[in-house]
Structure formats: C-alpha cells, structure tokens
N, C-alpha and C. Protein backbone atom coordinates (compact mmCIF):
# COMPACT_ATOMS: atom_id res chain seq x y z
N MET A 1 13.59 -6.55 -111.31
CA MET A 1 14.11 -7.72 -110.58
C MET A 1 13.40 -8.30 -109.79
N LEU A 2 13.55 -9.81 -110.01
CA LEU A 2 12.59 -10.99 -109.09
C LEU A 2 13.75 -11.99 -108.44
N ILE A 3 13.30 -11.66 -106.76
CA ILE A 3 14.10 -12.00 -106.04
C ILE A 3 13.14 -13.36 -105.47
N VAL A 4 13.59 -14.53 -105.56
CA VAL A 4 13.24 -15.80 -104.94
C VAL A 4 13.76 -16.38 -104.23
N ASP A 5 13.17 -16.77 -102.43
CA ASP A 5 13.31 -17.79 -101.33
C ASP A 5 13.52 -18.99 -102.24
N VAL A 6 14.70 -19.33 -101.90
CA VAL A 6 14.72 -21.24 -102.61
C VAL A 6 15.26 -22.08 -101.37
N SER A 7 15.66 -21.42 -99.98
CA SER A 7 15.87 -22.23 -99.22
C SER A 7 15.21 -23.81 -98.77
N SER A 8 13.76 -24.04 -99.51
CA SER A 8 13.23 -25.19 -98.93
C SER A 8 12.88 -25.45 -100.49
N PRO A 9 12.64 -26.90 -100.16
CA PRO A 9 11.80 -27.28 -101.37
C PRO A 9 10.29 -26.65 -101.51
N GLU A 10 9.28 -26.72 -100.38
CA GLU A 10 8.21 -26.06 -100.26
C GLU A 10 7.99 -24.80 -101.06
N MET A 11 9.38 -23.73 -100.62
CA MET A 11 9.54 -22.64 -101.13
C MET A 11 9.49 -22.70 -102.79
N ILE A 12 10.51 -23.44 -103.13
CA ILE A 12 10.83 -23.58 -104.83
C ILE A 12 9.49 -24.10 -104.88
N ALA A 13 8.70 -24.89 -104.68
CA ALA A 13 7.66 -25.26 -105.53
C ALA A 13 6.41 -24.27 -105.59
N THR A 14 6.39 -23.53 -104.64
CA THR A 14 5.52 -22.15 -104.38
C THR A 14 5.48 -21.26 -105.06
N ALA A 15 6.55 -20.98 -105.76
CA ALA A 15 7.41 -20.05 -106.08
C ALA A 15 7.05 -20.61 -107.94
N ILE A 16 7.61 -21.67 -108.10
CA ILE A 16 7.52 -22.30 -109.68
C ILE A 16 5.77 -22.44 -109.55
N GLU A 17 4.47 -22.35 -109.01
CA GLU A 17 3.32 -22.20 -109.31
C GLU A 17 2.86 -20.77 -109.53
N GLN A 18 3.76 -20.21 -109.34
CA GLN A 18 3.44 -18.80 -109.73
C GLN A 18 3.78 -17.87 -110.59
N SER A 19 4.83 -18.16 -110.37
CA SER A 19 5.64 -17.67 -111.24
C SER A 19 5.92 -18.56 -113.01
N THR A 20 5.67 -18.62 -113.98
CA THR A 20 6.22 -18.87 -115.66
C THR A 20 7.88 -18.71 -115.34
N VAL A 21 8.43 -17.40 -115.33
CA VAL A 21 9.85 -16.65 -115.51
C VAL A 21 10.04 -17.91 -114.43
N VAL A 22 9.67 -18.30 -113.16
CA VAL A 22 10.65 -18.68 -112.30
C VAL A 22 10.78 -20.31 -112.67
N GLU A 23 9.90 -20.64 -113.49
CA GLU A 23 9.86 -22.07 -113.45
C GLU A 23 11.17 -22.27 -114.79
N GLU A 24 10.93 -21.63 -115.49
CA GLU A 24 12.20 -21.19 -116.96
C GLU A 24 13.39 -21.18 -116.47
N VAL A 25 13.80 -20.50 -115.30
CA VAL A 25 14.89 -20.57 -115.19
C VAL A 25 15.13 -21.64 -113.83
N PHE A 26 14.22 -22.49 -113.36
CA PHE A 26 15.11 -23.77 -112.84
C PHE A 26 15.20 -24.25 -113.92
N ASP A 27 14.28 -24.35 -115.23
CA ASP A 27 14.58 -25.03 -116.07
C ASP A 27 16.50 -25.11 -116.61
N GLN A 28 16.54 -24.17 -116.64
CA GLN A 28 17.99 -23.60 -117.02
C GLN A 28 18.71 -24.21 -115.72
N LEU A 29 18.30 -24.23 -114.85
CA LEU A 29 19.26 -24.57 -113.41
C LEU A 29 19.85 -26.09 -113.76
N ALA A 30 18.23 -26.52 -114.02
CA ALA A 30 18.56 -28.33 -113.95
C ALA A 30 19.52 -28.52 -115.29
N GLU A 31 19.40 -27.86 -116.43
CA GLU A 31 20.20 -28.05 -117.77
C GLU A 31 21.39 -27.96 -117.25
N GLN A 32 22.24 -27.72 -115.95
CA GLN A 32 23.35 -27.33 -115.66
C GLN A 32 23.39 -28.36 -114.59
N GLY A 33 22.92 -28.92 -114.15
CA GLY A 33 23.00 -30.88 -113.19
C GLY A 33 22.56 -30.15 -111.83
N ILE A 34 21.92 -28.61 -111.48
CA ILE A 34 21.41 -28.00 -110.51
C ILE A 34 19.77 -28.06 -110.25
N SER A 35 19.27 -29.26 -108.52
CA SER A 35 18.75 -29.56 -108.25
C SER A 35 17.75 -28.35 -107.96
N GLN A 36 16.74 -29.21 -108.56
CA GLN A 36 15.43 -28.37 -107.80
C GLN A 36 15.14 -28.02 -106.78
N LEU A 37 14.84 -29.58 -106.20
CA LEU A 37 15.18 -29.99 -104.76
C LEU A 37 15.81 -28.97 -103.72
N TYR A 38 17.10 -29.38 -104.22
CA TYR A 38 18.37 -28.52 -102.48
C TYR A 38 19.47 -27.95 -103.99
N PRO A 39 19.01 -27.15 -104.59
CA PRO A 39 19.43 -26.36 -105.28
C PRO A 39 21.15 -25.74 -104.95
N GLY A 40 21.51 -25.81 -103.96
CA GLY A 40 23.01 -25.58 -103.29
C GLY A 40 22.96 -23.64 -102.85
N PHE A 41 21.98 -22.74 -102.39
CA PHE A 41 21.71 -21.81 -102.49
C PHE A 41 20.80 -21.51 -101.76
N ASP A 42 20.42 -20.21 -101.31
CA ASP A 42 19.07 -19.47 -100.43
C ASP A 42 18.62 -19.04 -101.62
N MET A 43 18.81 -17.70 -101.91
CA MET A 43 17.97 -17.18 -102.45
C MET A 43 18.23 -17.04 -104.38
N LEU A 44 17.52 -16.55 -105.13
CA LEU A 44 17.86 -16.81 -106.67
C LEU A 44 17.62 -15.61 -107.38
N THR A 45 18.36 -14.48 -107.76
CA THR A 45 17.58 -13.49 -108.47
C THR A 45 17.63 -13.41 -109.33
N ILE A 46 16.38 -13.27 -110.42
CA ILE A 46 16.13 -13.44 -111.99
C ILE A 46 15.71 -11.67 -112.82
N GLN A 47 17.06 -11.66 -113.93
CA GLN A 47 17.01 -10.66 -114.11
C GLN A 47 16.25 -10.68 -115.63
N GLY A 48 15.34 -10.14 -116.57
CA GLY A 48 15.01 -10.14 -117.74
C GLY A 48 14.88 -11.76 -117.96
N GLY A 49 14.35 -12.29 -117.24
CA GLY A 49 13.93 -13.80 -117.61
C GLY A 49 15.26 -14.52 -117.18
N SER A 50 16.36 -14.24 -116.78
CA SER A 50 17.70 -15.29 -117.09
C SER A 50 18.37 -15.05 -115.42
N ILE A 51 19.08 -16.22 -115.06
CA ILE A 51 19.57 -16.11 -113.61
C ILE A 51 20.13 -14.90 -113.83
N ASP A 52 20.29 -13.92 -112.05
CA ASP A 52 21.42 -12.97 -112.35
C ASP A 52 22.23 -13.54 -110.79
N ARG A 53 22.06 -13.87 -110.07
CA ARG A 53 22.62 -14.11 -108.93
C ARG A 53 21.79 -15.65 -108.24
N MET A 54 22.50 -16.25 -107.82
CA MET A 54 22.55 -17.50 -106.72
C MET A 54 22.88 -17.01 -105.79
N ILE A 55 22.78 -16.66 -104.41
CA ILE A 55 23.10 -15.99 -103.59
C ILE A 55 22.96 -17.23 -102.14
N GLU A 56 23.95 -17.63 -101.66
CA GLU A 56 24.06 -18.15 -100.21
C GLU A 56 24.66 -17.73 -98.86
N LEU A 57 23.34 -17.38 -98.05
CA LEU A 57 23.45 -16.68 -96.91
C LEU A 57 24.07 -17.56 -96.24
N LYS A 58 25.31 -16.86 -95.01
CA LYS A 58 25.68 -17.17 -93.92
C LYS A 58 26.49 -16.17 -93.21
N SER A 59 25.85 -16.58 -91.71
CA SER A 59 25.98 -15.51 -90.69
C SER A 59 26.13 -16.14 -89.47
N SER A 60 27.16 -15.18 -88.64
CA SER A 60 27.83 -15.41 -87.49
C SER A 60 27.05 -14.15 -87.04
N GLY A 61 27.38 -14.59 -85.22
CA GLY A 61 27.25 -13.46 -84.03
C GLY A 61 28.69 -12.43 -84.09
N VAL A 62 29.24 -13.16 -84.66
CA VAL A 62 31.01 -11.92 -84.77
C VAL A 62 31.35 -12.25 -85.98
N ASP A 63 32.69 -12.08 -86.20
CA ASP A 63 33.43 -11.88 -87.94
C ASP A 63 34.13 -12.87 -87.51
N ALA A 64 33.71 -14.00 -87.79
CA ALA A 64 34.24 -15.48 -88.12
C ALA A 64 35.21 -15.65 -88.89
N GLN A 65 36.46 -16.63 -88.77
CA GLN A 65 37.54 -16.16 -89.43
C GLN A 65 37.26 -17.66 -90.37
N VAL A 66 36.47 -18.41 -90.36
CA VAL A 66 36.41 -19.72 -91.12
C VAL A 66 34.68 -19.89 -90.92
N GLN A 67 34.11 -20.27 -92.52
CA GLN A 67 32.65 -20.49 -92.67
C GLN A 67 32.92 -21.89 -93.09
N ALA A 68 31.91 -22.46 -92.67
CA ALA A 68 31.02 -23.76 -93.83
C ALA A 68 30.36 -23.45 -94.55
N MET A 69 30.73 -24.25 -95.78
CA MET A 69 29.38 -24.70 -96.51
C MET A 69 29.16 -26.15 -96.90
N SER A 70 28.18 -26.27 -96.89
CA SER A 70 27.64 -27.79 -97.50
C SER A 70 28.32 -28.43 -99.26
N TRP A 71 28.62 -29.42 -99.05
CA TRP A 71 28.94 -30.08 -100.29
C TRP A 71 28.53 -29.52 -101.32
N ASN A 72 26.86 -29.48 -101.00
CA ASN A 72 25.99 -29.46 -102.11
C ASN A 72 26.30 -28.11 -102.49
N GLU A 73 26.14 -27.26 -101.77
CA GLU A 73 26.73 -25.55 -101.72
C GLU A 73 28.01 -25.56 -102.63
N TRP A 74 28.96 -25.99 -102.15
CA TRP A 74 29.82 -25.94 -102.65
C TRP A 74 30.66 -26.81 -104.02
N LYS A 75 29.41 -27.54 -104.75
CA LYS A 75 29.48 -27.85 -106.18
C LYS A 75 28.73 -26.78 -106.50
N THR A 76 27.70 -26.40 -106.26
CA THR A 76 27.11 -25.53 -106.84
C THR A 76 27.96 -24.25 -107.19
N ALA A 77 28.25 -24.15 -106.07
CA ALA A 77 29.20 -22.35 -106.44
C ALA A 77 30.62 -22.73 -107.31
N GLY A 78 31.01 -23.74 -107.73
CA GLY A 78 31.91 -24.50 -108.88
C GLY A 78 31.50 -24.69 -109.59
N GLY A 79 30.25 -25.03 -109.73
CA GLY A 79 29.90 -24.93 -111.35
C GLY A 79 29.87 -24.45 -112.43
N GLU A 80 29.08 -24.70 -113.76
CA GLU A 80 29.29 -23.75 -114.88
C GLU A 80 28.70 -22.56 -114.46
N LEU A 81 27.88 -22.50 -113.35
CA LEU A 81 27.12 -20.89 -113.57
C LEU A 81 28.29 -19.86 -112.42
N ARG A 82 29.37 -20.24 -111.83
CA ARG A 82 29.79 -19.81 -111.11
C ARG A 82 30.02 -18.68 -110.87
N SER A 83 29.97 -17.57 -111.85
CA SER A 83 30.35 -16.20 -112.54
C SER A 83 28.80 -15.79 -111.73
N HIS A 84 27.72 -16.57 -111.26
CA HIS A 84 26.49 -16.29 -111.03
C HIS A 84 26.19 -16.55 -109.70
N PHE A 85 27.13 -17.16 -109.02
CA PHE A 85 27.10 -17.74 -107.65
C PHE A 85 27.46 -16.68 -106.70
N TRP A 86 26.68 -16.11 -106.03
CA TRP A 86 27.69 -15.31 -104.63
C TRP A 86 27.40 -15.77 -103.50
N LEU A 87 28.32 -15.38 -102.34
CA LEU A 87 28.38 -15.74 -100.95
C LEU A 87 28.00 -14.48 -100.04
N TYR A 88 26.90 -14.74 -99.33
CA TYR A 88 26.31 -13.14 -98.72
C TYR A 88 27.18 -13.57 -97.21
N LEU A 89 28.23 -13.14 -96.39
CA LEU A 89 28.24 -13.46 -95.28
C LEU A 89 28.27 -12.00 -94.01
N VAL A 90 27.57 -12.31 -93.20
CA VAL A 90 26.61 -11.31 -92.20
C VAL A 90 27.23 -11.76 -90.86
N GLY A 91 27.94 -10.55 -90.41
CA GLY A 91 28.52 -10.84 -89.03
C GLY A 91 28.34 -9.95 -87.78
N ASN A 92 28.62 -10.04 -87.04
CA ASN A 92 28.92 -9.41 -85.84
C ASN A 92 27.61 -8.94 -85.58
N LEU A 93 26.93 -9.97 -85.79
CA LEU A 93 25.05 -9.65 -85.12
C LEU A 93 25.00 -10.09 -83.57
N ARG A 94 25.76 -10.43 -83.06
CA ARG A 94 25.67 -10.24 -81.67
C ARG A 94 25.19 -8.95 -81.02
N ALA A 95 24.37 -9.06 -80.33
CA ALA A 95 24.57 -7.39 -79.47
C ALA A 95 25.42 -6.92 -78.71
N ASP A 96 25.93 -7.83 -77.79
CA ASP A 96 27.17 -8.05 -76.68
C ASP A 96 28.35 -7.14 -77.37
N LEU A 97 28.42 -7.14 -78.39
CA LEU A 97 29.66 -6.77 -78.74
C LEU A 97 30.00 -5.34 -79.36
N GLU A 98 30.87 -4.75 -78.69
CA GLU A 98 31.33 -3.10 -78.52
C GLU A 98 31.84 -2.92 -79.68
N ASN A 99 31.90 -1.68 -80.44
CA ASN A 99 32.39 -1.05 -82.05
C ASN A 99 32.98 -2.70 -82.50
N ALA A 100 32.18 -3.23 -82.60
CA ALA A 100 31.91 -4.06 -83.79
C ALA A 100 30.34 -3.72 -84.86
N PRO A 101 30.64 -2.75 -85.61
CA PRO A 101 29.26 -2.80 -86.11
C PRO A 101 28.60 -4.63 -87.34
N PRO A 102 27.35 -4.42 -87.27
CA PRO A 102 27.20 -5.75 -88.11
C PRO A 102 27.63 -5.43 -89.53
N PHE A 103 27.98 -6.53 -90.07
CA PHE A 103 28.34 -6.11 -91.56
C PHE A 103 27.47 -7.25 -92.93
N VAL A 104 27.79 -6.88 -94.09
CA VAL A 104 27.31 -8.08 -94.87
C VAL A 104 28.75 -7.62 -95.80
N ARG A 105 29.14 -9.10 -96.18
CA ARG A 105 30.35 -8.84 -97.22
C ARG A 105 29.59 -9.86 -98.36
N ALA A 106 29.57 -9.55 -99.34
CA ALA A 106 29.34 -10.18 -100.69
C ALA A 106 30.30 -10.52 -101.74
N VAL A 107 30.51 -11.95 -101.92
CA VAL A 107 31.84 -12.57 -102.66
C VAL A 107 31.12 -12.89 -103.85
N GLN A 108 31.43 -12.68 -105.15
CA GLN A 108 31.20 -13.34 -106.02
C GLN A 108 31.93 -14.08 -106.86
N ASP A 109 31.34 -15.76 -107.19
CA ASP A 109 32.24 -16.52 -107.20
C ASP A 109 33.36 -17.54 -106.28
N PRO A 110 33.08 -17.40 -105.07
CA PRO A 110 33.45 -17.98 -103.59
C PRO A 110 34.60 -19.06 -103.92
N PHE A 111 34.22 -19.85 -105.05
CA PHE A 111 34.63 -20.97 -105.56
C PHE A 111 36.20 -20.46 -106.43
N GLY A 112 35.82 -19.93 -106.54
CA GLY A 112 37.69 -19.16 -107.65
C GLY A 112 38.43 -18.24 -106.96
N THR A 113 37.41 -17.47 -105.53
CA THR A 113 38.08 -16.14 -104.98
C THR A 113 38.60 -16.29 -103.11
N LEU A 114 37.68 -17.53 -102.53
CA LEU A 114 38.09 -17.93 -101.73
C LEU A 114 39.41 -19.22 -101.09
N ALA A 115 40.64 -18.27 -100.31
CA ALA A 115 41.00 -20.07 -100.16
C ALA A 115 40.23 -20.77 -98.97
N SER A 116 40.07 -22.75 -99.72
CA SER A 116 39.43 -23.04 -98.72
C SER A 116 39.72 -24.75 -98.68
N SER A 117 39.45 -25.28 -97.53
CA SER A 117 40.29 -26.57 -96.99
C SER A 117 38.77 -27.65 -97.62
N LYS A 118 38.67 -29.21 -98.13
CA LYS A 118 37.84 -29.79 -98.01
C LYS A 118 38.07 -30.83 -96.42
N SER A 119 37.03 -31.18 -95.92
CA SER A 119 37.03 -31.78 -95.24
C SER A 119 36.04 -33.05 -94.95
N GLU A 120 36.08 -34.46 -94.59
CA GLU A 120 34.55 -35.50 -94.57
C GLU A 120 34.88 -35.28 -92.76
N ASP A 121 33.97 -36.02 -92.22
CA ASP A 121 33.48 -36.43 -90.60
C ASP A 121 32.98 -37.28 -90.88
N VAL A 122 32.90 -38.43 -89.79
CA VAL A 122 32.40 -39.79 -89.83
C VAL A 122 31.88 -39.96 -90.68
N ILE A 123 30.37 -39.29 -90.76
CA ILE A 123 29.22 -39.76 -91.36
C ILE A 123 28.84 -39.68 -92.56
N ARG A 124 30.37 -39.34 -93.33
CA ARG A 124 30.29 -38.83 -94.24
C ARG A 124 29.92 -37.71 -94.95
N LYS A 125 29.51 -36.54 -94.18
CA LYS A 125 28.47 -35.38 -94.55
C LYS A 125 30.13 -34.23 -95.03
N ARG A 126 29.69 -34.57 -95.84
CA ARG A 126 31.47 -33.57 -97.10
C ARG A 126 30.77 -31.76 -96.41
N THR A 127 31.94 -30.99 -95.94
CA THR A 127 32.20 -29.61 -95.94
C THR A 127 33.10 -28.93 -96.37
N VAL A 128 32.86 -28.19 -96.87
CA VAL A 128 34.09 -26.94 -96.98
C VAL A 128 34.60 -26.37 -96.05
N GLN A 129 35.32 -25.79 -95.81
CA GLN A 129 35.84 -24.50 -94.52
C GLN A 129 36.15 -23.46 -95.34
N LEU A 130 35.58 -22.43 -94.98
CA LEU A 130 36.63 -21.54 -96.28
C LEU A 130 37.08 -20.69 -95.17
N ARG A 131 38.26 -20.04 -95.56
CA ARG A 131 38.89 -18.89 -94.97
C ARG A 131 38.77 -17.85 -95.63
N VAL A 132 38.00 -17.26 -94.73
CA VAL A 132 37.10 -15.56 -95.17
C VAL A 132 37.38 -14.78 -94.65
N ARG A 133 38.86 -14.28 -94.63
CA ARG A 133 39.34 -13.02 -94.61
C ARG A 133 40.22 -13.50 -95.82
N GLU A 134 40.27 -14.79 -96.52
CA GLU A 134 41.32 -14.38 -97.68
C GLU A 134 40.74 -14.61 -98.70
N PHE A 135 40.18 -13.47 -98.74
CA PHE A 135 39.17 -12.93 -100.45
C PHE A 135 40.59 -12.18 -101.46
N ALA A 136 39.89 -12.90 -102.74
CA ALA A 136 40.67 -11.63 -103.63
C ALA A 136 39.64 -10.70 -103.88
N ALA A 137 38.56 -10.80 -103.68
CA ALA A 137 37.90 -9.57 -103.58
C ALA A 137 36.69 -9.59 -103.07
N ALA A 138 36.11 -8.41 -102.93
CA ALA A 138 34.83 -8.65 -102.06
C ALA A 138 34.07 -7.24 -101.40
N ASP A 139 33.33 -6.92 -101.64
CA ASP A 139 32.28 -5.84 -101.41
C ASP A 139 31.38 -6.08 -99.51
N GLN A 140 32.15 -4.77 -98.89
CA GLN A 140 31.51 -4.86 -97.76
C GLN A 140 30.83 -3.73 -97.25
N LEU A 141 29.76 -4.14 -96.76
CA LEU A 141 28.74 -3.01 -96.44
C LEU A 141 28.43 -3.07 -94.83
N THR A 142 28.94 -1.75 -94.33
CA THR A 142 28.85 -1.91 -92.93
C THR A 142 27.88 -1.56 -92.42
N LEU A 143 26.94 -2.07 -91.06
CA LEU A 143 25.15 -1.82 -91.00
C LEU A 143 25.72 -0.72 -89.76
N GLU A 144 24.93 -0.15 -89.58
CA GLU A 144 24.71 0.88 -88.59
C GLU A 144 23.58 0.62 -87.26
N LEU A 145 23.72 0.56 -86.44
CA LEU A 145 23.20 -0.16 -85.16
C LEU A 145 21.81 0.79 -84.59
N ARG A 146 20.64 1.02 -84.58
CA ARG A 146 19.78 1.48 -84.03
C ARG A 146 19.21 1.01 -83.01
N HIS A 147 18.98 2.02 -81.46
CA HIS A 147 18.33 1.19 -80.77
C HIS A 147 16.95 1.12 -80.70
N GLU A 148 16.05 0.55 -79.92
CA GLU A 148 15.05 0.84 -80.24
C GLU A 148 13.86 2.50 -79.62
N GLU A 149 14.98 2.60 -78.59
CA GLU A 149 14.79 4.48 -78.23
C GLU A 149 15.27 5.45 -79.35
N ASP A 150 16.04 5.06 -80.03
CA ASP A 150 16.57 6.00 -81.32
C ASP A 150 15.39 5.63 -82.91
N ALA A 151 14.65 4.57 -82.82
CA ALA A 151 14.13 4.50 -83.94
C ALA A 151 13.00 5.58 -84.02
N PRO A 152 12.20 5.97 -85.37
CA PRO A 152 11.39 6.90 -84.79
C PRO A 152 10.15 5.99 -84.97
N ALA A 153 8.92 7.38 -84.48
CA ALA A 153 7.83 6.30 -83.77
C ALA A 153 6.55 6.29 -85.34
N GLN A 154 6.07 5.05 -84.32
CA GLN A 154 5.36 4.30 -85.53
C GLN A 154 3.91 4.80 -85.78
N ASP A 155 3.37 4.97 -86.94
CA ASP A 155 1.77 5.89 -86.43
C ASP A 155 0.90 4.45 -86.80
N ASP A 156 0.27 4.07 -85.78
CA ASP A 156 -0.66 2.85 -85.55
C ASP A 156 -2.24 2.58 -86.49
N THR A 157 -1.48 4.29 -87.02
CA THR A 157 -3.32 4.78 -87.41
C THR A 157 -3.55 4.60 -89.33
C-alpha cells in the first residue's frame, strides 16, 4: 500500500514526480473531475495501482458535535468515487480533558452517512456543517494516553 500526503499542491507535485503510480492515480482522479491542485482530501492511499482511500482529516480538542468541511471537500465526498472517500475525525486532543481519551472515528462515504446542512457566509465561501454524532455507520478507535514518565527510555546509541 502506498500512502500519499496530498494536503498541498507542493506535496502532490513532489509525489507525482517521485512515482508513476501516483501520477496514474491522479489521472484517474482527473477523469472524475477531481483537481490535481486541490483534490478535496488530505491523504490518498493506493493499493495495487488503484485508488483505495481518499481521506479527509478533521481534528478537535474535544468530542465536537459539529465539524465543518469546505465545499470542495464536500463535492469530492459526494462525487463518483464517494465509496473511496473517508472522513477521519480525531477528537479529545486537549491535554486538560479528564476521562476523555483521544479517539479516531473513521467514516466511509460521509456524504451518504452523515446528516449535514449547507451554509454560505458573506464572502460566498461555502462550507458544510456535519452533525458527526448522527452517523449511520462509523469505526472508532479509542486511544490511550501515555505520559512521558511512563514512556520507555530511548537508547541514544
């Protein structure tokens, strides 16, 4: 499996220069109307030369009730390749939260499984507000916090 950071045009250009497989997959994405400069997701996984997952990452210091996606992200999530689009929500990242371990919630096809509402602000920037607790389906991984004094010692040799 190949994992590619596509969070910026520079990262995408570098990945395409370094891998013909990545170049071919971006050609496949272009055929579906997904921009090479701003594809609408942060990470791309490639399996066997084909698109595996298009992952949009969102994080919150708490277990947020609502999370925003850009219009571009939402368009990609709802496109022809929506079965390959995953939303990864990482929450409870604040160190001062007691009894609230960090987690990663992975949602395949958020366009089809999350309740959402569209909004436009004054500068005509479209975003989509996702009511993230209203999943039809999601996988969740609860993370364990380890303090530095509990971490194994590292050998500097």
